[in-house]
Amino acid sequence: MSNEKIDPTDEEDGAVRPIARLLVTAERELCAFIAAVNELFDAREARQAAENWMAELAWTDWAGENPITVWRRVTIVAATGLARGVNGRRSRNP
């Protein structure tokens, strides 16, 4: 795996690479989600939320759908998992 920067303006044979756009929009969604979780909770929860997000993305069949809609749905599912985890820990520690 390389550390090459991917940008939505990357071109291949004079055309913007569609995968670059997808990756950039996914990265923005994930980063916004992690930042919000970190602000509301802490770094540990943010790491877990990121793992949940990536796991949900892996299970998502998003071919042919609007990527923004897919990323939002992935974020909602990951946030639901985070809420369940946080609520579960709170109920065990009164």
PDB file of N, CA and C in Angstrom:
ATOM      1  N   MET A   1       0.840  -1.170   0.000  1.00  0.00           N
ATOM      2  CA  MET A   1       0.000   0.000   0.000  1.00  0.00           C
ATOM      3  C   MET A   1       0.888   1.237   0.000  1.00  0.00           C
ATOM      4  N   SER A   2       0.566   2.190  -0.839  1.00  0.00           N
ATOM      5  CA  SER A   2       1.384   3.395  -0.896  1.00  0.00           C
ATOM      6  C   SER A   2       0.702   4.519  -0.127  1.00  0.00           C
ATOM      7  N   ASN A   3       1.457   5.546   0.156  1.00  0.00           N
ATOM      8  CA  ASN A   3       0.922   6.727   0.829  1.00  0.00           C
ATOM      9  C   ASN A   3       0.591   7.814  -0.174  1.00  0.00           C
ATOM     10  N   GLU A   4       0.376   7.426  -1.426  1.00  0.00           N
ATOM     11  CA  GLU A   4       0.071   8.385  -2.473  1.00  0.00           C
ATOM     12  C   GLU A   4      -1.227   9.119  -2.146  1.00  0.00           C
ATOM     13  N   LYS A   5      -1.202  10.425  -2.282  1.00  0.00           N
ATOM     14  CA  LYS A   5      -2.387  11.237  -2.027  1.00  0.00           C
ATOM     15  C   LYS A   5      -3.372  11.063  -3.172  1.00  0.00           C
ATOM     16  N   ILE A   6      -4.624  10.872  -2.831  1.00  0.00           N
ATOM     17  CA  ILE A   6      -5.675  10.747  -3.831  1.00  0.00           C
ATOM     18  C   ILE A   6      -6.519  12.002  -3.760  1.00  0.00           C
ATOM     19  N   ASP A   7      -6.746  12.615  -4.886  1.00  0.00           N
ATOM     20  CA  ASP A   7      -7.468  13.863  -4.945  1.00  0.00           C
ATOM     21  C   ASP A   7      -8.550  13.745  -6.013  1.00  0.00           C
ATOM     22  N   PRO A   8      -9.703  14.374  -5.824  1.00  0.00           N
ATOM     23  CA  PRO A   8     -10.766  14.247  -6.818  1.00  0.00           C
ATOM     24  C   PRO A   8     -10.402  14.853  -8.165  1.00  0.00           C
ATOM     25  N   THR A   9      -9.335  15.641  -8.208  1.00  0.00           N
ATOM     26  CA  THR A   9      -8.920  16.230  -9.477  1.00  0.00           C
ATOM     27  C   THR A   9      -7.883  15.372 -10.196  1.00  0.00           C
ATOM     28  N   ASP A  10      -7.543  14.220  -9.618  1.00  0.00           N
ATOM     29  CA  ASP A  10      -6.609  13.317 -10.285  1.00  0.00           C
ATOM     30  C   ASP A  10      -7.176  12.952 -11.657  1.00  0.00           C
ATOM     31  N   GLU A  11      -6.305  12.906 -12.616  1.00  0.00           N
ATOM     32  CA  GLU A  11      -6.753  12.586 -13.962  1.00  0.00           C
ATOM     33  C   GLU A  11      -6.021  11.373 -14.497  1.00  0.00           C
ATOM     34  N   GLU A  12      -6.729  10.644 -15.305  1.00  0.00           N
ATOM     35  CA  GLU A  12      -6.165   9.502 -16.008  1.00  0.00           C
ATOM     36  C   GLU A  12      -6.686   9.560 -17.431  1.00  0.00           C
ATOM     37  N   ASP A  13      -5.816   9.693 -18.375  1.00  0.00           N
ATOM     38  CA  ASP A  13      -6.207   9.840 -19.787  1.00  0.00           C
ATOM     39  C   ASP A  13      -7.163  11.021 -19.984  1.00  0.00           C
ATOM     40  N   GLY A  14      -6.937  12.116 -19.262  1.00  0.00           N
ATOM     41  CA  GLY A  14      -7.728  13.323 -19.435  1.00  0.00           C
ATOM     42  C   GLY A  14      -9.065  13.329 -18.708  1.00  0.00           C
ATOM     43  N   ALA A  15      -9.400  12.275 -17.981  1.00  0.00           N
ATOM     44  CA  ALA A  15     -10.682  12.218 -17.270  1.00  0.00           C
ATOM     45  C   ALA A  15     -10.424  12.064 -15.769  1.00  0.00           C
ATOM     46  N   VAL A  16     -11.272  12.688 -14.973  1.00  0.00           N
ATOM     47  CA  VAL A  16     -11.149  12.546 -13.527  1.00  0.00           C
ATOM     48  C   VAL A  16     -11.472  11.108 -13.162  1.00  0.00           C
ATOM     49  N   ARG A  17     -10.628  10.536 -12.318  1.00  0.00           N
ATOM     50  CA  ARG A  17     -10.843   9.142 -11.922  1.00  0.00           C
ATOM     51  C   ARG A  17     -12.040   9.056 -10.971  1.00  0.00           C
ATOM     52  N   PRO A  18     -13.063   8.313 -11.345  1.00  0.00           N
ATOM     53  CA  PRO A  18     -14.249   8.196 -10.488  1.00  0.00           C
ATOM     54  C   PRO A  18     -13.925   7.631  -9.102  1.00  0.00           C
ATOM     55  N   ILE A  19     -12.994   6.703  -9.024  1.00  0.00           N
ATOM     56  CA  ILE A  19     -12.673   6.116  -7.721  1.00  0.00           C
ATOM     57  C   ILE A  19     -12.065   7.159  -6.799  1.00  0.00           C
ATOM     58  N   ALA A  20     -11.330   8.111  -7.354  1.00  0.00           N
ATOM     59  CA  ALA A  20     -10.750   9.178  -6.534  1.00  0.00           C
ATOM     60  C   ALA A  20     -11.855   9.991  -5.881  1.00  0.00           C
ATOM     61  N   ARG A  21     -12.896  10.297  -6.638  1.00  0.00           N
ATOM     62  CA  ARG A  21     -14.036  11.039  -6.071  1.00  0.00           C
ATOM     63  C   ARG A  21     -14.705  10.247  -4.958  1.00  0.00           C
ATOM     64  N   LEU A  22     -14.913   8.973  -5.195  1.00  0.00           N
ATOM     65  CA  LEU A  22     -15.548   8.128  -4.179  1.00  0.00           C
ATOM     66  C   LEU A  22     -14.728   8.098  -2.897  1.00  0.00           C
ATOM     67  N   LEU A  23     -13.436   7.911  -3.041  1.00  0.00           N
ATOM     68  CA  LEU A  23     -12.583   7.830  -1.865  1.00  0.00           C
ATOM     69  C   LEU A  23     -12.529   9.151  -1.098  1.00  0.00           C
ATOM     70  N   VAL A  24     -12.489  10.239  -1.816  1.00  0.00           N
ATOM     71  CA  VAL A  24     -12.443  11.541  -1.148  1.00  0.00           C
ATOM     72  C   VAL A  24     -13.733  11.799  -0.387  1.00  0.00           C
ATOM     73  N   THR A  25     -14.882  11.496  -0.990  1.00  0.00           N
ATOM     74  CA  THR A  25     -16.143  11.727  -0.278  1.00  0.00           C
ATOM     75  C   THR A  25     -16.291  10.781   0.907  1.00  0.00           C
ATOM     76  N   ALA A  26     -15.840   9.548   0.764  1.00  0.00           N
ATOM     77  CA  ALA A  26     -15.887   8.608   1.889  1.00  0.00           C
ATOM     78  C   ALA A  26     -14.976   9.085   3.014  1.00  0.00           C
ATOM     79  N   GLU A  27     -13.793   9.553   2.658  1.00  0.00           N
ATOM     80  CA  GLU A  27     -12.848  10.046   3.672  1.00  0.00           C
ATOM     81  C   GLU A  27     -13.426  11.236   4.422  1.00  0.00           C
ATOM     82  N   ARG A  28     -14.071  12.139   3.710  1.00  0.00           N
ATOM     83  CA  ARG A  28     -14.694  13.305   4.369  1.00  0.00           C
ATOM     84  C   ARG A  28     -15.767  12.871   5.354  1.00  0.00           C
ATOM     85  N   GLU A  29     -16.599  11.955   4.941  1.00  0.00           N
ATOM     86  CA  GLU A  29     -17.680  11.468   5.814  1.00  0.00           C
ATOM     87  C   GLU A  29     -17.110  10.794   7.050  1.00  0.00           C
ATOM     88  N   LEU A  30     -16.139   9.916   6.845  1.00  0.00           N
ATOM     89  CA  LEU A  30     -15.527   9.207   7.968  1.00  0.00           C
ATOM     90  C   LEU A  30     -14.831  10.182   8.915  1.00  0.00           C
ATOM     91  N   CYS A  31     -14.083  11.131   8.371  1.00  0.00           N
ATOM     92  CA  CYS A  31     -13.369  12.105   9.215  1.00  0.00           C
ATOM     93  C   CYS A  31     -14.339  12.960  10.024  1.00  0.00           C
ATOM     94  N   ALA A  32     -15.424  13.386   9.407  1.00  0.00           N
ATOM     95  CA  ALA A  32     -16.417  14.182  10.129  1.00  0.00           C
ATOM     96  C   ALA A  32     -17.038  13.363  11.261  1.00  0.00           C
ATOM     97  N   PHE A  33     -17.330  12.106  10.996  1.00  0.00           N
ATOM     98  CA  PHE A  33     -17.903  11.227  12.007  1.00  0.00           C
ATOM     99  C   PHE A  33     -16.939  11.022  13.172  1.00  0.00           C
ATOM    100  N   ILE A  34     -15.687  10.735  12.861  1.00  0.00           N
ATOM    101  CA  ILE A  34     -14.687  10.514  13.911  1.00  0.00           C
ATOM    102  C   ILE A  34     -14.491  11.781  14.736  1.00  0.00           C
ATOM    103  N   ALA A  35     -14.415  12.923  14.082  1.00  0.00           N
ATOM    104  CA  ALA A  35     -14.236  14.189  14.800  1.00  0.00           C
ATOM    105  C   ALA A  35     -15.405  14.445  15.749  1.00  0.00           C
ATOM    106  N   ALA A  36     -16.616  14.173  15.306  1.00  0.00           N
ATOM    107  CA  ALA A  36     -17.786  14.382  16.151  1.00  0.00           C
ATOM    108  C   ALA A  36     -17.775  13.435  17.352  1.00  0.00           C
ATOM    109  N   VAL A  37     -17.449  12.181  17.115  1.00  0.00           N
ATOM    110  CA  VAL A  37     -17.395  11.216  18.218  1.00  0.00           C
ATOM    111  C   VAL A  37     -16.295  11.591  19.202  1.00  0.00           C
ATOM    112  N   ASN A  38     -15.150  11.990  18.699  1.00  0.00           N
ATOM    113  CA  ASN A  38     -14.050  12.386  19.571  1.00  0.00           C
ATOM    114  C   ASN A  38     -14.433  13.596  20.422  1.00  0.00           C
ATOM    115  N   GLU A  39     -15.139  14.551  19.823  1.00  0.00           N
ATOM    116  CA  GLU A  39     -15.565  15.747  20.560  1.00  0.00           C
ATOM    117  C   GLU A  39     -16.612  15.407  21.618  1.00  0.00           C
ATOM    118  N   LEU A  40     -17.542  14.532  21.279  1.00  0.00           N
ATOM    119  CA  LEU A  40     -18.615  14.187  22.205  1.00  0.00           C
ATOM    120  C   LEU A  40     -18.191  13.177  23.271  1.00  0.00           C
ATOM    121  N   PHE A  41     -17.263  12.292  22.933  1.00  0.00           N
ATOM    122  CA  PHE A  41     -16.853  11.239  23.846  1.00  0.00           C
ATOM    123  C   PHE A  41     -15.357  11.338  24.110  1.00  0.00           C
ATOM    124  N   ASP A  42     -14.573  10.479  23.463  1.00  0.00           N
ATOM    125  CA  ASP A  42     -13.121  10.517  23.631  1.00  0.00           C
ATOM    126  C   ASP A  42     -12.454   9.759  22.487  1.00  0.00           C
ATOM    127  N   ALA A  43     -11.125   9.716  22.523  1.00  0.00           N
ATOM    128  CA  ALA A  43     -10.371   9.092  21.434  1.00  0.00           C
ATOM    129  C   ALA A  43     -10.646   7.591  21.334  1.00  0.00           C
ATOM    130  N   ARG A  44     -10.844   6.938  22.465  1.00  0.00           N
ATOM    131  CA  ARG A  44     -11.122   5.497  22.449  1.00  0.00           C
ATOM    132  C   ARG A  44     -12.433   5.213  21.709  1.00  0.00           C
ATOM    133  N   GLU A  45     -13.452   5.992  22.024  1.00  0.00           N
ATOM    134  CA  GLU A  45     -14.741   5.819  21.348  1.00  0.00           C
ATOM    135  C   GLU A  45     -14.624   6.167  19.864  1.00  0.00           C
ATOM    136  N   ALA A  46     -13.816   7.185  19.552  1.00  0.00           N
ATOM    137  CA  ALA A  46     -13.627   7.577  18.151  1.00  0.00           C
ATOM    138  C   ALA A  46     -12.964   6.451  17.357  1.00  0.00           C
ATOM    139  N   ARG A  47     -11.972   5.787  17.965  1.00  0.00           N
ATOM    140  CA  ARG A  47     -11.326   4.652  17.286  1.00  0.00           C
ATOM    141  C   ARG A  47     -12.329   3.532  17.043  1.00  0.00           C
ATOM    142  N   GLN A  48     -13.134   3.231  18.057  1.00  0.00           N
ATOM    143  CA  GLN A  48     -14.139   2.180  17.906  1.00  0.00           C
ATOM    144  C   GLN A  48     -15.172   2.560  16.852  1.00  0.00           C
ATOM    145  N   ALA A  49     -15.576   3.818  16.847  1.00  0.00           N
ATOM    146  CA  ALA A  49     -16.538   4.297  15.850  1.00  0.00           C
ATOM    147  C   ALA A  49     -15.969   4.156  14.442  1.00  0.00           C
ATOM    148  N   ALA A  50     -14.691   4.470  14.276  1.00  0.00           N
ATOM    149  CA  ALA A  50     -14.047   4.330  12.964  1.00  0.00           C
ATOM    150  C   ALA A  50     -14.025   2.866  12.535  1.00  0.00           C
ATOM    151  N   GLU A  51     -13.727   1.978  13.467  1.00  0.00           N
ATOM    152  CA  GLU A  51     -13.743   0.546  13.151  1.00  0.00           C
ATOM    153  C   GLU A  51     -15.146   0.095  12.759  1.00  0.00           C
ATOM    154  N   ASN A  52     -16.154   0.569  13.486  1.00  0.00           N
ATOM    155  CA  ASN A  52     -17.545   0.233  13.154  1.00  0.00           C
ATOM    156  C   ASN A  52     -17.901   0.742  11.764  1.00  0.00           C
ATOM    157  N   TRP A  53     -17.458   1.957  11.446  1.00  0.00           N
ATOM    158  CA  TRP A  53     -17.751   2.564  10.147  1.00  0.00           C
ATOM    159  C   TRP A  53     -17.144   1.729   9.027  1.00  0.00           C
ATOM    160  N   MET A  54     -15.886   1.363   9.195  1.00  0.00           N
ATOM    161  CA  MET A  54     -15.200   0.583   8.168  1.00  0.00           C
ATOM    162  C   MET A  54     -15.827  -0.808   8.016  1.00  0.00           C
ATOM    163  N   ALA A  55     -16.196  -1.408   9.130  1.00  0.00           N
ATOM    164  CA  ALA A  55     -16.833  -2.728   9.069  1.00  0.00           C
ATOM    165  C   ALA A  55     -18.168  -2.651   8.336  1.00  0.00           C
ATOM    166  N   GLU A  56     -18.950  -1.632   8.647  1.00  0.00           N
ATOM    167  CA  GLU A  56     -20.234  -1.469   7.975  1.00  0.00           C
ATOM    168  C   GLU A  56     -20.040  -1.210   6.487  1.00  0.00           C
ATOM    169  N   LEU A  57     -19.045  -0.412   6.137  1.00  0.00           N
ATOM    170  CA  LEU A  57     -18.761  -0.147   4.730  1.00  0.00           C
ATOM    171  C   LEU A  57     -18.430  -1.445   3.995  1.00  0.00           C
ATOM    172  N   ALA A  58     -17.678  -2.309   4.648  1.00  0.00           N
ATOM    173  CA  ALA A  58     -17.304  -3.583   4.025  1.00  0.00           C
ATOM    174  C   ALA A  58     -18.523  -4.455   3.717  1.00  0.00           C
ATOM    175  N   TRP A  59     -19.572  -4.334   4.526  1.00  0.00           N
ATOM    176  CA  TRP A  59     -20.776  -5.138   4.333  1.00  0.00           C
ATOM    177  C   TRP A  59     -21.795  -4.479   3.398  1.00  0.00           C
ATOM    178  N   THR A  60     -21.560  -3.246   3.031  1.00  0.00           N
ATOM    179  CA  THR A  60     -22.531  -2.490   2.253  1.00  0.00           C
ATOM    180  C   THR A  60     -22.414  -2.792   0.765  1.00  0.00           C
ATOM    181  N   ASP A  61     -23.556  -3.060   0.150  1.00  0.00           N
ATOM    182  CA  ASP A  61     -23.618  -3.226  -1.298  1.00  0.00           C
ATOM    183  C   ASP A  61     -24.058  -1.879  -1.867  1.00  0.00           C
ATOM    184  N   TRP A  62     -23.113  -1.110  -2.337  1.00  0.00           N
ATOM    185  CA  TRP A  62     -23.414   0.253  -2.750  1.00  0.00           C
ATOM    186  C   TRP A  62     -23.269   0.504  -4.227  1.00  0.00           C
ATOM    187  N   ALA A  63     -23.087  -0.532  -4.981  1.00  0.00           N
ATOM    188  CA  ALA A  63     -22.942  -0.369  -6.426  1.00  0.00           C
ATOM    189  C   ALA A  63     -24.205   0.263  -7.015  1.00  0.00           C
ATOM    190  N   GLY A  64     -24.010   1.310  -7.790  1.00  0.00           N
ATOM    191  CA  GLY A  64     -25.126   1.948  -8.473  1.00  0.00           C
ATOM    192  C   GLY A  64     -25.885   2.966  -7.651  1.00  0.00           C
ATOM    193  N   GLU A  65     -25.579   3.077  -6.376  1.00  0.00           N
ATOM    194  CA  GLU A  65     -26.264   4.063  -5.536  1.00  0.00           C
ATOM    195  C   GLU A  65     -25.460   5.345  -5.456  1.00  0.00           C
ATOM    196  N   ASN A  66     -26.118   6.402  -5.038  1.00  0.00           N
ATOM    197  CA  ASN A  66     -25.434   7.670  -4.804  1.00  0.00           C
ATOM    198  C   ASN A  66     -24.468   7.471  -3.639  1.00  0.00           C
ATOM    199  N   PRO A  67     -23.176   7.685  -3.851  1.00  0.00           N
ATOM    200  CA  PRO A  67     -22.195   7.434  -2.783  1.00  0.00           C
ATOM    201  C   PRO A  67     -22.457   8.227  -1.508  1.00  0.00           C
ATOM    202  N   ILE A  68     -22.921   9.460  -1.622  1.00  0.00           N
ATOM    203  CA  ILE A  68     -23.183  10.268  -0.426  1.00  0.00           C
ATOM    204  C   ILE A  68     -24.268   9.598   0.426  1.00  0.00           C
ATOM    205  N   THR A  69     -25.280   9.079  -0.221  1.00  0.00           N
ATOM    206  CA  THR A  69     -26.340   8.367   0.500  1.00  0.00           C
ATOM    207  C   THR A  69     -25.771   7.137   1.189  1.00  0.00           C
ATOM    208  N   VAL A  70     -24.905   6.427   0.515  1.00  0.00           N
ATOM    209  CA  VAL A  70     -24.286   5.230   1.093  1.00  0.00           C
ATOM    210  C   VAL A  70     -23.445   5.610   2.301  1.00  0.00           C
ATOM    211  N   TRP A  71     -22.590   6.634   2.151  1.00  0.00           N
ATOM    212  CA  TRP A  71     -21.726   7.034   3.279  1.00  0.00           C
ATOM    213  C   TRP A  71     -22.578   7.440   4.482  1.00  0.00           C
ATOM    214  N   ARG A  72     -23.667   8.166   4.249  1.00  0.00           N
ATOM    215  CA  ARG A  72     -24.530   8.590   5.361  1.00  0.00           C
ATOM    216  C   ARG A  72     -25.178   7.388   6.046  1.00  0.00           C
ATOM    217  N   ARG A  73     -25.612   6.430   5.243  1.00  0.00           N
ATOM    218  CA  ARG A  73     -26.216   5.227   5.825  1.00  0.00           C
ATOM    219  C   ARG A  73     -25.188   4.458   6.649  1.00  0.00           C
ATOM    220  N   VAL A  74     -23.971   4.358   6.155  1.00  0.00           N
ATOM    221  CA  VAL A  74     -22.886   3.697   6.892  1.00  0.00           C
ATOM    222  C   VAL A  74     -22.634   4.439   8.202  1.00  0.00           C
ATOM    223  N   THR A  75     -22.625   5.760   8.155  1.00  0.00           N
ATOM    224  CA  THR A  75     -22.411   6.574   9.354  1.00  0.00           C
ATOM    225  C   THR A  75     -23.533   6.363  10.366  1.00  0.00           C
ATOM    226  N   ILE A  76     -24.747   6.312   9.902  1.00  0.00           N
ATOM    227  CA  ILE A  76     -25.889   6.110  10.804  1.00  0.00           C
ATOM    228  C   ILE A  76     -25.805   4.752  11.487  1.00  0.00           C
ATOM    229  N   VAL A  77     -25.476   3.715  10.739  1.00  0.00           N
ATOM    230  CA  VAL A  77     -25.351   2.380  11.340  1.00  0.00           C
ATOM    231  C   VAL A  77     -24.203   2.355  12.347  1.00  0.00           C
ATOM    232  N   ALA A  78     -23.073   2.976  11.998  1.00  0.00           N
ATOM    233  CA  ALA A  78     -21.938   3.022  12.923  1.00  0.00           C
ATOM    234  C   ALA A  78     -22.287   3.825  14.176  1.00  0.00           C
ATOM    235  N   ALA A  79     -23.019   4.921  14.023  1.00  0.00           N
ATOM    236  CA  ALA A  79     -23.436   5.732  15.176  1.00  0.00           C
ATOM    237  C   ALA A  79     -24.399   4.953  16.065  1.00  0.00           C
ATOM    238  N   THR A  80     -25.258   4.168  15.464  1.00  0.00           N
ATOM    239  CA  THR A  80     -26.181   3.333  16.242  1.00  0.00           C
ATOM    240  C   THR A  80     -25.406   2.316  17.062  1.00  0.00           C
ATOM    241  N   GLY A  81     -24.396   1.696  16.459  1.00  0.00           N
ATOM    242  CA  GLY A  81     -23.552   0.753  17.195  1.00  0.00           C
ATOM    243  C   GLY A  81     -22.806   1.438  18.327  1.00  0.00           C
ATOM    244  N   LEU A  82     -22.334   2.645  18.087  1.00  0.00           N
ATOM    245  CA  LEU A  82     -21.653   3.416  19.124  1.00  0.00           C
ATOM    246  C   LEU A  82     -22.606   3.708  20.280  1.00  0.00           C
ATOM    247  N   ALA A  83     -23.805   4.149  19.962  1.00  0.00           N
ATOM    248  CA  ALA A  83     -24.788   4.464  20.999  1.00  0.00           C
ATOM    249  C   ALA A  83     -25.126   3.232  21.838  1.00  0.00           C
ATOM    250  N   ARG A  84     -25.289   2.106  21.191  1.00  0.00           N
ATOM    251  CA  ARG A  84     -25.565   0.866  21.936  1.00  0.00           C
ATOM    252  C   ARG A  84     -24.410   0.526  22.871  1.00  0.00           C
ATOM    253  N   GLY A  85     -23.184   0.666  22.375  1.00  0.00           N
ATOM    254  CA  GLY A  85     -22.013   0.365  23.196  1.00  0.00           C
ATOM    255  C   GLY A  85     -21.892   1.306  24.382  1.00  0.00           C
ATOM    256  N   VAL A  86     -22.076   2.584  24.154  1.00  0.00           N
ATOM    257  CA  VAL A  86     -21.984   3.575  25.224  1.00  0.00           C
ATOM    258  C   VAL A  86     -23.093   3.355  26.239  1.00  0.00           C
ATOM    259  N   ASN A  87     -24.311   3.139  25.775  1.00  0.00           N
ATOM    260  CA  ASN A  87     -25.429   2.901  26.691  1.00  0.00           C
ATOM    261  C   ASN A  87     -25.244   1.620  27.477  1.00  0.00           C
ATOM    262  N   GLY A  88     -24.684   0.591  26.849  1.00  0.00           N
ATOM    263  CA  GLY A  88     -24.431  -0.667  27.545  1.00  0.00           C
ATOM    264  C   GLY A  88     -23.424  -0.509  28.646  1.00  0.00           C
ATOM    265  N   ARG A  89     -22.374   0.254  28.395  1.00  0.00           N
ATOM    266  CA  ARG A  89     -21.344   0.492  29.431  1.00  0.00           C
ATOM    267  C   ARG A  89     -21.904   1.346  30.561  1.00  0.00           C
ATOM    268  N   ARG A  90     -22.751   2.300  30.240  1.00  0.00           N
ATOM    269  CA  ARG A  90     -23.341   3.161  31.281  1.00  0.00           C
ATOM    270  C   ARG A  90     -24.292   2.369  32.162  1.00  0.00           C
ATOM    271  N   SER A  91     -25.049   1.448  31.573  1.00  0.00           N
ATOM    272  CA  SER A  91     -26.003   0.681  32.389  1.00  0.00           C
ATOM    273  C   SER A  91     -25.303  -0.303  33.313  1.00  0.00           C
ATOM    274  N   ARG A  92     -24.090  -0.739  32.956  1.00  0.00           N
ATOM    275  CA  ARG A  92     -23.334  -1.652  33.815  1.00  0.00           C
ATOM    276  C   ARG A  92     -22.581  -0.902  34.902  1.00  0.00           C
ATOM    277  N   ASN A  93     -22.391   0.420  34.739  1.00  0.00           N
ATOM    278  CA  ASN A  93     -21.640   1.244  35.693  1.00  0.00           C
ATOM    279  C   ASN A  93     -22.520   2.365  36.220  1.00  0.00           C
ATOM    280  N   PRO A  94     -23.446   2.060  37.135  1.00  0.00           N
ATOM    281  CA  PRO A  94     -24.355   3.114  37.622  1.00  0.00           C
ATOM    282  C   PRO A  94     -23.639   4.164  38.433  1.00  0.00           C
TER     283      PRO A  94
END
